[in-house]
Amino acid sequence: MDIIVFLYNVVLLLLYGTAMIYSFITYGLKKFPVCFYLTVLFLFYIFDNTVIYMTEFVHDFSVTYDTSFMSVPAFKTVIVIVTGFCLTNINKRIFKKSLSTMDFIVLISLGLWDLFVPMLRDSAFMVWLYYLPYQLFTLYISVTGLLIIKKDTKITEAIPFLKHYKKILLCTLLFSFLIVIEDTIVIFNFDSYNNLLVKINNRSLTEDILSIIYSLFVIHHLSKELQNDTLNHSPMPMVVNLDNDHFYKFVKTHNFTTREQDILKYLLEDKNNQEISDILFISIGTVKTHVHNIYQKMNVSKRNQLIRSYEDWIDCN
């Protein structure tokens, strides 16, 4: 049985580590803000799973951790706050929206709740109350994302990636309930919270399944993103020299949005609209709209004029 648990933990750590590496590399290459939060999210998943694994295999550590959890669950509270902040930002940035006042209220409430609940009398009910808000929080995340999609039914047609992300939101919605059910069963029937013995089952299998789904989803989509980038960059040399410092100074000078920057980079490589659509997982109509806006800001009407204007700007700077 021990070897199965050991292998299970190894698989989890490999999954989280792979998802974190893909996120980190994509952030380094593409500067997608969502990938920064994904990197931090999976890093803290690794921290959390490592500690849980130690409570399963190192008896003295388990006793110390469980005892401290009943008084000051500092480590778990940090995990909850950081992962909650990352999930909120990931959800909002995928929809190209900033955090709302309600998002901040929910995050602050989550943090305050998990700071003050441990002050209650030690009991199974106190532990159950400690874990409950995080599942209510993930419920909030999934519902807000699904409502954005429902309000704009054409958004999934404009951005095909959101069809897949909708499934992740539905999984999060479902598992928010399943995790509460598992926590309720385990905390009130299998854990021990009496004065002589504190024994907590720190692992939630349903929570692990959800994080595995997240990991596989991120690995799948970011590997495609990096593969498309490789396929579209390696065989063909760039039309212009996209020196990073000059490029980002250029886009800042002309007030290009983040998405316009992404598209401009491929325009300067003389990619056509279909290629840009495939690389960025957006519709051709969306690409055309951004291209039109870029042309207006640059006061040009053709791609070769855009490239020439960029080269002239580089020469002068």
C-alpha atoms as a PDB file:
ATOM      1  CA  MET A   1       0.000   0.000   0.000  1.00  0.00           C
ATOM      2  CA  ASP A   2       2.871   2.366   0.880  1.00  0.00           C
ATOM      3  CA  ILE A   3       4.433   1.924  -2.557  1.00  0.00           C
ATOM      4  CA  ILE A   4       1.106   2.810  -4.219  1.00  0.00           C
ATOM      5  CA  VAL A   5       0.814   5.998  -2.155  1.00  0.00           C
ATOM      6  CA  PHE A   6       4.448   6.832  -2.934  1.00  0.00           C
ATOM      7  CA  LEU A   7       3.935   6.346  -6.693  1.00  0.00           C
ATOM      8  CA  TYR A   8       0.700   8.340  -6.527  1.00  0.00           C
ATOM      9  CA  ASN A   9       2.572  11.278  -4.982  1.00  0.00           C
ATOM     10  CA  VAL A  10       5.368  11.005  -7.541  1.00  0.00           C
ATOM     11  CA  VAL A  11       2.826  11.149 -10.383  1.00  0.00           C
ATOM     12  CA  LEU A  12       1.149  14.199  -8.843  1.00  0.00           C
ATOM     13  CA  LEU A  13       4.446  16.024  -8.414  1.00  0.00           C
ATOM     14  CA  LEU A  14       5.480  15.193 -11.983  1.00  0.00           C
ATOM     15  CA  LEU A  15       2.165  16.497 -13.314  1.00  0.00           C
ATOM     16  CA  TYR A  16       2.325  19.702 -11.285  1.00  0.00           C
ATOM     17  CA  GLY A  17       5.991  20.163 -12.166  1.00  0.00           C
ATOM     18  CA  THR A  18       5.377  19.664 -15.887  1.00  0.00           C
ATOM     19  CA  ALA A  19       2.430  22.085 -15.883  1.00  0.00           C
ATOM     20  CA  MET A  20       4.531  24.634 -13.965  1.00  0.00           C
ATOM     21  CA  ILE A  21       7.447  24.318 -16.411  1.00  0.00           C
ATOM     22  CA  TYR A  22       5.174  24.725 -19.450  1.00  0.00           C
ATOM     23  CA  SER A  23       3.577  27.777 -17.827  1.00  0.00           C
ATOM     24  CA  PHE A  24       6.953  29.283 -16.936  1.00  0.00           C
ATOM     25  CA  ILE A  25       8.400  28.738 -20.434  1.00  0.00           C
ATOM     26  CA  THR A  26       5.297  30.138 -22.125  1.00  0.00           C
ATOM     27  CA  TYR A  27       5.371  33.181 -19.861  1.00  0.00           C
ATOM     28  CA  GLY A  28       9.044  33.710 -20.666  1.00  0.00           C
ATOM     29  CA  LEU A  29       8.455  33.471 -24.409  1.00  0.00           C
ATOM     30  CA  LYS A  30       5.026  35.061 -24.798  1.00  0.00           C
ATOM     31  CA  LYS A  31       4.691  37.236 -21.681  1.00  0.00           C
ATOM     32  CA  PHE A  32       1.100  36.032 -21.175  1.00  0.00           C
ATOM     33  CA  PRO A  33       0.162  37.249 -17.651  1.00  0.00           C
ATOM     34  CA  VAL A  34      -2.107  34.220 -17.153  1.00  0.00           C
ATOM     35  CA  CYS A  35       0.958  31.967 -17.442  1.00  0.00           C
ATOM     36  CA  PHE A  36       2.655  33.799 -14.581  1.00  0.00           C
ATOM     37  CA  TYR A  37      -0.280  33.018 -12.278  1.00  0.00           C
ATOM     38  CA  LEU A  38      -0.371  29.427 -13.554  1.00  0.00           C
ATOM     39  CA  THR A  39       3.315  29.042 -12.684  1.00  0.00           C
ATOM     40  CA  VAL A  40       2.743  30.273  -9.126  1.00  0.00           C
ATOM     41  CA  LEU A  41      -0.416  28.145  -8.792  1.00  0.00           C
ATOM     42  CA  PHE A  42       1.349  24.887  -9.665  1.00  0.00           C
ATOM     43  CA  LEU A  43       4.362  25.820  -7.555  1.00  0.00           C
ATOM     44  CA  PHE A  44       2.085  26.053  -4.507  1.00  0.00           C
ATOM     45  CA  TYR A  45       0.321  22.831  -5.507  1.00  0.00           C
ATOM     46  CA  ILE A  46       3.769  21.219  -5.297  1.00  0.00           C
ATOM     47  CA  PHE A  47       4.401  22.756  -1.848  1.00  0.00           C
ATOM     48  CA  ASP A  48       1.014  21.598  -0.594  1.00  0.00           C
ATOM     49  CA  ASN A  49       1.323  18.045  -1.915  1.00  0.00           C
ATOM     50  CA  THR A  50       4.858  17.704  -0.527  1.00  0.00           C
ATOM     51  CA  VAL A  51       3.670  18.580   2.982  1.00  0.00           C
ATOM     52  CA  ILE A  52       0.660  16.257   2.674  1.00  0.00           C
ATOM     53  CA  TYR A  53       2.972  13.446   1.545  1.00  0.00           C
ATOM     54  CA  MET A  54       5.182  14.030   4.609  1.00  0.00           C
ATOM     55  CA  THR A  55       2.157  13.775   6.920  1.00  0.00           C
ATOM     56  CA  GLU A  56       1.395  10.404   5.323  1.00  0.00           C
ATOM     57  CA  PHE A  57       4.899   8.939   5.694  1.00  0.00           C
ATOM     58  CA  VAL A  58       6.714  10.745   8.529  1.00  0.00           C
ATOM     59  CA  HIS A  59       4.915  10.064  11.821  1.00  0.00           C
ATOM     60  CA  ASP A  60       6.632  12.736  13.929  1.00  0.00           C
ATOM     61  CA  PHE A  61       6.059  15.377  11.265  1.00  0.00           C
ATOM     62  CA  SER A  62       2.405  14.320  10.972  1.00  0.00           C
ATOM     63  CA  VAL A  63       1.834  14.697  14.728  1.00  0.00           C
ATOM     64  CA  THR A  64       3.523  18.119  14.806  1.00  0.00           C
ATOM     65  CA  TYR A  65       1.697  19.336  11.703  1.00  0.00           C
ATOM     66  CA  ASP A  66      -1.746  18.141  12.848  1.00  0.00           C
ATOM     67  CA  THR A  67      -1.286  19.640  16.321  1.00  0.00           C
ATOM     68  CA  SER A  68      -0.157  23.016  14.940  1.00  0.00           C
ATOM     69  CA  PHE A  69      -2.977  22.962  12.388  1.00  0.00           C
ATOM     70  CA  MET A  70      -5.537  22.935  15.213  1.00  0.00           C
ATOM     71  CA  SER A  71      -4.097  26.136  16.677  1.00  0.00           C
ATOM     72  CA  VAL A  72      -2.302  28.092  13.936  1.00  0.00           C
ATOM     73  CA  PRO A  73      -2.726  26.554  10.432  1.00  0.00           C
ATOM     74  CA  ALA A  74      -0.333  29.103   8.940  1.00  0.00           C
ATOM     75  CA  PHE A  75       1.029  26.960   6.091  1.00  0.00           C
ATOM     76  CA  LYS A  76      -2.391  25.856   4.846  1.00  0.00           C
ATOM     77  CA  THR A  77      -3.748  29.407   5.124  1.00  0.00           C
ATOM     78  CA  VAL A  78      -0.916  30.722   2.934  1.00  0.00           C
ATOM     79  CA  ILE A  79      -1.669  27.974   0.391  1.00  0.00           C
ATOM     80  CA  VAL A  80      -5.370  28.881   0.401  1.00  0.00           C
ATOM     81  CA  ILE A  81      -4.781  32.633  -0.028  1.00  0.00           C
ATOM     82  CA  VAL A  82      -2.110  32.331  -2.744  1.00  0.00           C
ATOM     83  CA  THR A  83      -3.931  29.687  -4.815  1.00  0.00           C
ATOM     84  CA  GLY A  84      -7.180  31.618  -4.432  1.00  0.00           C
ATOM     85  CA  PHE A  85      -5.521  34.813  -5.671  1.00  0.00           C
ATOM     86  CA  CYS A  86      -3.973  32.946  -8.622  1.00  0.00           C
ATOM     87  CA  LEU A  87      -7.247  31.245  -9.621  1.00  0.00           C
ATOM     88  CA  THR A  88      -9.073  34.580  -9.531  1.00  0.00           C
ATOM     89  CA  ASN A  89      -6.491  36.263 -11.752  1.00  0.00           C
ATOM     90  CA  ILE A  90      -6.338  33.310 -14.162  1.00  0.00           C
ATOM     91  CA  ASN A  91     -10.121  33.336 -14.537  1.00  0.00           C
ATOM     92  CA  LYS A  92     -10.282  37.099 -15.122  1.00  0.00           C
ATOM     93  CA  ARG A  93      -7.310  37.343 -17.474  1.00  0.00           C
ATOM     94  CA  ILE A  94      -8.611  34.548 -19.691  1.00  0.00           C
ATOM     95  CA  PHE A  95     -11.667  36.751 -20.265  1.00  0.00           C
ATOM     96  CA  LYS A  96      -9.472  39.875 -20.593  1.00  0.00           C
ATOM     97  CA  LYS A  97     -11.097  41.457 -17.542  1.00  0.00           C
ATOM     98  CA  SER A  98      -9.653  43.085 -14.429  1.00  0.00           C
ATOM     99  CA  LEU A  99     -10.489  42.034 -10.883  1.00  0.00           C
ATOM    100  CA  SER A 100     -13.793  43.492  -9.704  1.00  0.00           C
ATOM    101  CA  THR A 101     -14.628  44.908  -6.288  1.00  0.00           C
ATOM    102  CA  MET A 102     -16.556  41.704  -5.582  1.00  0.00           C
ATOM    103  CA  ASP A 103     -13.462  39.617  -6.411  1.00  0.00           C
ATOM    104  CA  PHE A 104     -11.430  41.543  -3.826  1.00  0.00           C
ATOM    105  CA  ILE A 105     -14.213  41.237  -1.238  1.00  0.00           C
ATOM    106  CA  VAL A 106     -14.399  37.468  -1.777  1.00  0.00           C
ATOM    107  CA  LEU A 107     -10.603  37.057  -1.558  1.00  0.00           C
ATOM    108  CA  ILE A 108     -10.305  39.192   1.589  1.00  0.00           C
ATOM    109  CA  SER A 109     -13.251  37.366   3.192  1.00  0.00           C
ATOM    110  CA  LEU A 110     -11.621  34.012   2.409  1.00  0.00           C
ATOM    111  CA  GLY A 111      -8.360  35.089   4.025  1.00  0.00           C
ATOM    112  CA  LEU A 112     -10.001  36.583   7.122  1.00  0.00           C
ATOM    113  CA  TRP A 113     -12.223  33.537   7.590  1.00  0.00           C
ATOM    114  CA  ASP A 114      -9.295  31.122   7.567  1.00  0.00           C
ATOM    115  CA  LEU A 115      -7.372  33.382   9.943  1.00  0.00           C
ATOM    116  CA  PHE A 116     -10.124  33.630  12.564  1.00  0.00           C
ATOM    117  CA  VAL A 117     -11.917  30.251  12.379  1.00  0.00           C
ATOM    118  CA  PRO A 118      -9.005  28.445  14.136  1.00  0.00           C
ATOM    119  CA  MET A 119      -9.800  30.606  17.196  1.00  0.00           C
ATOM    120  CA  LEU A 120     -12.954  28.540  17.718  1.00  0.00           C
ATOM    121  CA  ARG A 121     -12.931  25.540  20.038  1.00  0.00           C
ATOM    122  CA  ASP A 122     -10.971  22.574  18.650  1.00  0.00           C
ATOM    123  CA  SER A 123     -13.416  20.180  17.026  1.00  0.00           C
ATOM    124  CA  ALA A 124     -14.314  18.448  13.792  1.00  0.00           C
ATOM    125  CA  PHE A 125     -16.813  21.240  13.133  1.00  0.00           C
ATOM    126  CA  MET A 126     -14.057  23.880  13.382  1.00  0.00           C
ATOM    127  CA  VAL A 127     -11.947  22.018  10.800  1.00  0.00           C
ATOM    128  CA  TRP A 128     -14.970  21.600   8.527  1.00  0.00           C
ATOM    129  CA  LEU A 129     -15.665  25.347   8.773  1.00  0.00           C
ATOM    130  CA  TYR A 130     -12.014  26.047   7.950  1.00  0.00           C
ATOM    131  CA  TYR A 131     -12.126  24.137   4.655  1.00  0.00           C
ATOM    132  CA  LEU A 132     -15.660  25.070   3.543  1.00  0.00           C
ATOM    133  CA  PRO A 133     -14.992  28.678   2.351  1.00  0.00           C
ATOM    134  CA  TYR A 134     -12.375  27.591  -0.191  1.00  0.00           C
ATOM    135  CA  GLN A 135     -14.933  25.366  -1.919  1.00  0.00           C
ATOM    136  CA  LEU A 136     -17.454  28.204  -1.850  1.00  0.00           C
ATOM    137  CA  PHE A 137     -14.708  30.327  -3.377  1.00  0.00           C
ATOM    138  CA  THR A 138     -14.073  27.864  -6.250  1.00  0.00           C
ATOM    139  CA  LEU A 139     -17.831  27.736  -6.722  1.00  0.00           C
ATOM    140  CA  TYR A 140     -17.799  31.536  -7.057  1.00  0.00           C
ATOM    141  CA  ILE A 141     -14.930  31.385  -9.576  1.00  0.00           C
ATOM    142  CA  SER A 142     -16.701  28.837 -11.779  1.00  0.00           C
ATOM    143  CA  VAL A 143     -20.075  30.590 -11.642  1.00  0.00           C
ATOM    144  CA  THR A 144     -18.644  34.030 -12.509  1.00  0.00           C
ATOM    145  CA  GLY A 145     -16.790  32.544 -15.496  1.00  0.00           C
ATOM    146  CA  LEU A 146     -19.844  30.664 -16.735  1.00  0.00           C
ATOM    147  CA  LEU A 147     -21.986  33.800 -16.379  1.00  0.00           C
ATOM    148  CA  ILE A 148     -19.546  35.773 -18.554  1.00  0.00           C
ATOM    149  CA  ILE A 149     -19.865  33.097 -21.255  1.00  0.00           C
ATOM    150  CA  LYS A 150     -23.658  32.983 -20.877  1.00  0.00           C
ATOM    151  CA  LYS A 151     -24.009  36.773 -21.208  1.00  0.00           C
ATOM    152  CA  ASP A 152     -21.999  36.776 -24.425  1.00  0.00           C
ATOM    153  CA  THR A 153     -22.961  33.607 -26.293  1.00  0.00           C
ATOM    154  CA  LYS A 154     -20.816  34.565 -29.288  1.00  0.00           C
ATOM    155  CA  ILE A 155     -17.641  34.752 -27.221  1.00  0.00           C
ATOM    156  CA  THR A 156     -16.927  31.020 -27.635  1.00  0.00           C
ATOM    157  CA  GLU A 157     -17.255  31.411 -31.405  1.00  0.00           C
ATOM    158  CA  ALA A 158     -14.886  34.371 -31.432  1.00  0.00           C
ATOM    159  CA  ILE A 159     -12.422  32.609 -29.123  1.00  0.00           C
ATOM    160  CA  PRO A 160     -12.572  28.816 -29.664  1.00  0.00           C
ATOM    161  CA  PHE A 161     -10.327  28.202 -26.627  1.00  0.00           C
ATOM    162  CA  LEU A 162     -13.199  29.298 -24.361  1.00  0.00           C
ATOM    163  CA  LYS A 163     -15.220  26.232 -25.416  1.00  0.00           C
ATOM    164  CA  HIS A 164     -12.564  24.114 -23.715  1.00  0.00           C
ATOM    165  CA  TYR A 165     -12.235  26.479 -20.774  1.00  0.00           C
ATOM    166  CA  LYS A 166     -15.993  26.280 -20.218  1.00  0.00           C
ATOM    167  CA  LYS A 167     -15.557  22.554 -19.540  1.00  0.00           C
ATOM    168  CA  ILE A 168     -12.929  23.381 -16.898  1.00  0.00           C
ATOM    169  CA  LEU A 169     -15.358  25.797 -15.245  1.00  0.00           C
ATOM    170  CA  LEU A 170     -18.068  23.104 -15.237  1.00  0.00           C
ATOM    171  CA  CYS A 171     -15.597  20.618 -13.696  1.00  0.00           C
ATOM    172  CA  THR A 172     -14.709  23.181 -11.031  1.00  0.00           C
ATOM    173  CA  LEU A 173     -18.407  23.722 -10.309  1.00  0.00           C
ATOM    174  CA  LEU A 174     -19.033  19.980  -9.933  1.00  0.00           C
ATOM    175  CA  PHE A 175     -15.949  19.309  -7.815  1.00  0.00           C
ATOM    176  CA  SER A 176     -16.729  22.216  -5.497  1.00  0.00           C
ATOM    177  CA  PHE A 177     -19.681  20.122  -4.270  1.00  0.00           C
ATOM    178  CA  LEU A 178     -17.843  16.778  -4.384  1.00  0.00           C
ATOM    179  CA  ILE A 179     -14.951  18.109  -2.281  1.00  0.00           C
ATOM    180  CA  VAL A 180     -17.359  19.406   0.373  1.00  0.00           C
ATOM    181  CA  ILE A 181     -19.058  15.987   0.464  1.00  0.00           C
ATOM    182  CA  GLU A 182     -15.715  14.163   0.853  1.00  0.00           C
ATOM    183  CA  ASP A 183     -14.525  16.630   3.525  1.00  0.00           C
ATOM    184  CA  THR A 184     -17.756  16.167   5.477  1.00  0.00           C
ATOM    185  CA  ILE A 185     -17.493  12.367   5.401  1.00  0.00           C
ATOM    186  CA  VAL A 186     -13.791  12.246   6.304  1.00  0.00           C
ATOM    187  CA  ILE A 187     -13.735  15.002   8.949  1.00  0.00           C
ATOM    188  CA  PHE A 188     -16.762  13.750  10.899  1.00  0.00           C
ATOM    189  CA  ASN A 189     -16.174  10.000  10.515  1.00  0.00           C
ATOM    190  CA  PHE A 190     -12.472   9.238  10.114  1.00  0.00           C
ATOM    191  CA  ASP A 191     -10.463  12.093  11.675  1.00  0.00           C
ATOM    192  CA  SER A 192      -9.819  12.295  15.410  1.00  0.00           C
ATOM    193  CA  TYR A 193      -9.898  15.615  17.300  1.00  0.00           C
ATOM    194  CA  ASN A 194      -9.942  14.666  20.984  1.00  0.00           C
ATOM    195  CA  ASN A 195      -7.457  16.126  23.479  1.00  0.00           C
ATOM    196  CA  LEU A 196      -5.379  12.957  23.627  1.00  0.00           C
ATOM    197  CA  LEU A 197      -5.121  12.318  19.906  1.00  0.00           C
ATOM    198  CA  VAL A 198      -5.320  14.600  16.892  1.00  0.00           C
ATOM    199  CA  LYS A 199      -5.215  12.632  13.659  1.00  0.00           C
ATOM    200  CA  ILE A 200      -6.166  14.379  10.419  1.00  0.00           C
ATOM    201  CA  ASN A 201      -6.424  12.946   6.910  1.00  0.00           C
ATOM    202  CA  ASN A 202      -4.904  15.914   5.100  1.00  0.00           C
ATOM    203  CA  ARG A 203      -5.404  14.574   1.578  1.00  0.00           C
ATOM    204  CA  SER A 204      -8.590  15.137  -0.404  1.00  0.00           C
ATOM    205  CA  LEU A 205      -8.844  12.716  -3.344  1.00  0.00           C
ATOM    206  CA  THR A 206     -11.516  14.761  -5.121  1.00  0.00           C
ATOM    207  CA  GLU A 207      -9.338  17.863  -4.781  1.00  0.00           C
ATOM    208  CA  ASP A 208      -6.421  15.896  -6.249  1.00  0.00           C
ATOM    209  CA  ILE A 209      -8.567  14.821  -9.206  1.00  0.00           C
ATOM    210  CA  LEU A 210      -9.528  18.433  -9.915  1.00  0.00           C
ATOM    211  CA  SER A 211      -5.894  19.573  -9.773  1.00  0.00           C
ATOM    212  CA  ILE A 212      -4.963  16.687 -12.111  1.00  0.00           C
ATOM    213  CA  ILE A 213      -7.599  17.922 -14.575  1.00  0.00           C
ATOM    214  CA  TYR A 214      -6.132  21.428 -14.321  1.00  0.00           C
ATOM    215  CA  SER A 215      -2.615  20.072 -14.921  1.00  0.00           C
ATOM    216  CA  LEU A 216      -3.557  18.011 -17.985  1.00  0.00           C
ATOM    217  CA  PHE A 217      -5.546  20.913 -19.437  1.00  0.00           C
ATOM    218  CA  VAL A 218      -2.634  23.340 -19.043  1.00  0.00           C
ATOM    219  CA  ILE A 219      -0.049  20.870 -20.370  1.00  0.00           C
ATOM    220  CA  HIS A 220      -2.214  20.077 -23.406  1.00  0.00           C
ATOM    221  CA  HIS A 221      -2.956  23.672 -24.407  1.00  0.00           C
ATOM    222  CA  LEU A 222       0.428  25.186 -23.612  1.00  0.00           C
ATOM    223  CA  SER A 223       2.274  22.385 -25.413  1.00  0.00           C
ATOM    224  CA  LYS A 224       0.143  23.171 -28.495  1.00  0.00           C
ATOM    225  CA  GLU A 225       0.920  26.866 -28.039  1.00  0.00           C
ATOM    226  CA  LEU A 226       4.650  26.224 -27.871  1.00  0.00           C
ATOM    227  CA  GLN A 227       4.513  23.699 -30.720  1.00  0.00           C
ATOM    228  CA  ASN A 228       2.700  26.179 -32.960  1.00  0.00           C
ATOM    229  CA  ASP A 229       5.257  28.801 -32.030  1.00  0.00           C
ATOM    230  CA  THR A 230       8.105  26.436 -32.964  1.00  0.00           C
ATOM    231  CA  LEU A 231       6.497  25.313 -36.210  1.00  0.00           C
ATOM    232  CA  ASN A 232       5.787  28.869 -37.266  1.00  0.00           C
ATOM    233  CA  HIS A 233       9.172  30.287 -36.285  1.00  0.00           C
ATOM    234  CA  SER A 234      11.830  27.681 -37.000  1.00  0.00           C
ATOM    235  CA  PRO A 235      11.386  26.882 -40.703  1.00  0.00           C
ATOM    236  CA  MET A 236      11.097  30.502 -41.798  1.00  0.00           C
ATOM    237  CA  PRO A 237      13.395  33.357 -40.737  1.00  0.00           C
ATOM    238  CA  MET A 238      11.784  36.504 -39.403  1.00  0.00           C
ATOM    239  CA  VAL A 239      11.062  39.231 -41.893  1.00  0.00           C
ATOM    240  CA  VAL A 240      12.419  41.846 -39.486  1.00  0.00           C
ATOM    241  CA  ASN A 241      14.736  41.639 -36.524  1.00  0.00           C
ATOM    242  CA  LEU A 242      12.389  41.570 -33.522  1.00  0.00           C
ATOM    243  CA  ASP A 243      14.799  42.729 -30.872  1.00  0.00           C
ATOM    244  CA  ASN A 244      12.791  42.551 -27.639  1.00  0.00           C
ATOM    245  CA  ASP A 245      13.917  45.899 -26.231  1.00  0.00           C
ATOM    246  CA  HIS A 246      13.163  47.771 -29.436  1.00  0.00           C
ATOM    247  CA  PHE A 247       9.913  45.893 -30.008  1.00  0.00           C
ATOM    248  CA  TYR A 248       8.440  46.636 -26.583  1.00  0.00           C
ATOM    249  CA  LYS A 249       9.588  50.245 -26.778  1.00  0.00           C
ATOM    250  CA  PHE A 250       7.858  50.428 -30.149  1.00  0.00           C
ATOM    251  CA  VAL A 251       4.540  48.990 -28.922  1.00  0.00           C
ATOM    252  CA  LYS A 252       4.634  51.257 -25.869  1.00  0.00           C
ATOM    253  CA  THR A 253       5.228  54.291 -28.078  1.00  0.00           C
ATOM    254  CA  HIS A 254       2.191  53.437 -30.217  1.00  0.00           C
ATOM    255  CA  ASN A 255      -0.059  52.353 -27.302  1.00  0.00           C
ATOM    256  CA  PHE A 256      -0.761  48.854 -28.591  1.00  0.00           C
ATOM    257  CA  THR A 257      -2.895  46.606 -26.385  1.00  0.00           C
ATOM    258  CA  THR A 258      -1.553  43.237 -25.200  1.00  0.00           C
ATOM    259  CA  ARG A 259      -3.462  41.350 -27.898  1.00  0.00           C
ATOM    260  CA  GLU A 260      -2.374  43.859 -30.560  1.00  0.00           C
ATOM    261  CA  GLN A 261       1.233  43.257 -29.491  1.00  0.00           C
ATOM    262  CA  ASP A 262       0.769  39.505 -30.004  1.00  0.00           C
ATOM    263  CA  ILE A 263      -0.688  40.015 -33.471  1.00  0.00           C
ATOM    264  CA  LEU A 264       1.822  42.727 -34.447  1.00  0.00           C
ATOM    265  CA  LYS A 265       4.673  40.316 -33.744  1.00  0.00           C
ATOM    266  CA  TYR A 266       3.255  37.830 -36.249  1.00  0.00           C
ATOM    267  CA  LEU A 267       2.413  40.556 -38.772  1.00  0.00           C
ATOM    268  CA  LEU A 268       6.054  41.585 -38.734  1.00  0.00           C
ATOM    269  CA  GLU A 269       6.916  37.968 -39.532  1.00  0.00           C
ATOM    270  CA  ASP A 270       4.537  38.245 -42.503  1.00  0.00           C
ATOM    271  CA  LYS A 271       2.121  35.640 -41.187  1.00  0.00           C
ATOM    272  CA  ASN A 272      -1.315  35.675 -42.832  1.00  0.00           C
ATOM    273  CA  ASN A 273      -4.570  36.041 -40.892  1.00  0.00           C
ATOM    274  CA  GLN A 274      -5.298  32.304 -40.866  1.00  0.00           C
ATOM    275  CA  GLU A 275      -1.853  31.504 -39.456  1.00  0.00           C
ATOM    276  CA  ILE A 276      -2.261  34.125 -36.716  1.00  0.00           C
ATOM    277  CA  SER A 277      -5.734  32.766 -35.940  1.00  0.00           C
ATOM    278  CA  ASP A 278      -4.360  29.231 -35.541  1.00  0.00           C
ATOM    279  CA  ILE A 279      -1.381  30.309 -33.427  1.00  0.00           C
ATOM    280  CA  LEU A 280      -3.363  32.474 -30.989  1.00  0.00           C
ATOM    281  CA  PHE A 281      -6.540  30.320 -30.928  1.00  0.00           C
ATOM    282  CA  ILE A 282      -8.790  33.232 -31.951  1.00  0.00           C
ATOM    283  CA  SER A 283     -11.181  33.650 -34.862  1.00  0.00           C
ATOM    284  CA  ILE A 284     -10.131  35.190 -38.171  1.00  0.00           C
ATOM    285  CA  GLY A 285     -12.718  37.922 -37.607  1.00  0.00           C
ATOM    286  CA  THR A 286     -11.016  38.864 -34.327  1.00  0.00           C
ATOM    287  CA  VAL A 287      -7.624  38.874 -36.074  1.00  0.00           C
ATOM    288  CA  LYS A 288      -8.934  41.171 -38.814  1.00  0.00           C
ATOM    289  CA  THR A 289     -10.354  43.581 -36.241  1.00  0.00           C
ATOM    290  CA  HIS A 290      -7.013  43.810 -34.421  1.00  0.00           C
ATOM    291  CA  VAL A 291      -5.086  44.124 -37.706  1.00  0.00           C
ATOM    292  CA  HIS A 292      -7.363  47.009 -38.720  1.00  0.00           C
ATOM    293  CA  ASN A 293      -6.715  48.747 -35.379  1.00  0.00           C
ATOM    294  CA  ILE A 294      -2.955  48.233 -35.755  1.00  0.00           C
ATOM    295  CA  TYR A 295      -3.008  49.698 -39.268  1.00  0.00           C
ATOM    296  CA  GLN A 296      -4.927  52.727 -38.000  1.00  0.00           C
ATOM    297  CA  LYS A 297      -2.471  53.357 -35.179  1.00  0.00           C
ATOM    298  CA  MET A 298       0.431  53.040 -37.614  1.00  0.00           C
ATOM    299  CA  ASN A 299      -1.353  55.028 -40.341  1.00  0.00           C
ATOM    300  CA  VAL A 300      -0.753  52.322 -42.952  1.00  0.00           C
ATOM    301  CA  SER A 301      -3.017  50.211 -45.150  1.00  0.00           C
ATOM    302  CA  LYS A 302      -0.806  47.264 -46.148  1.00  0.00           C
ATOM    303  CA  ARG A 303       1.412  44.747 -44.401  1.00  0.00           C
ATOM    304  CA  ASN A 304       4.563  45.692 -46.287  1.00  0.00           C
ATOM    305  CA  GLN A 305       3.989  49.329 -45.281  1.00  0.00           C
ATOM    306  CA  LEU A 306       3.718  48.218 -41.648  1.00  0.00           C
ATOM    307  CA  ILE A 307       6.991  46.288 -41.869  1.00  0.00           C
ATOM    308  CA  ARG A 308       8.722  49.219 -43.554  1.00  0.00           C
ATOM    309  CA  SER A 309       7.423  51.631 -40.898  1.00  0.00           C
ATOM    310  CA  TYR A 310       8.715  49.372 -38.147  1.00  0.00           C
ATOM    311  CA  GLU A 311      12.145  49.084 -39.789  1.00  0.00           C
ATOM    312  CA  ASP A 312      12.316  52.859 -40.246  1.00  0.00           C
ATOM    313  CA  TRP A 313      11.419  53.369 -36.578  1.00  0.00           C
ATOM    314  CA  ILE A 314      14.149  50.925 -35.530  1.00  0.00           C
ATOM    315  CA  ASP A 315      16.713  52.762 -37.677  1.00  0.00           C
ATOM    316  CA  CYS A 316      15.817  56.062 -36.008  1.00  0.00           C
ATOM    317  CA  ASN A 317      15.928  54.635 -32.485  1.00  0.00           C
END
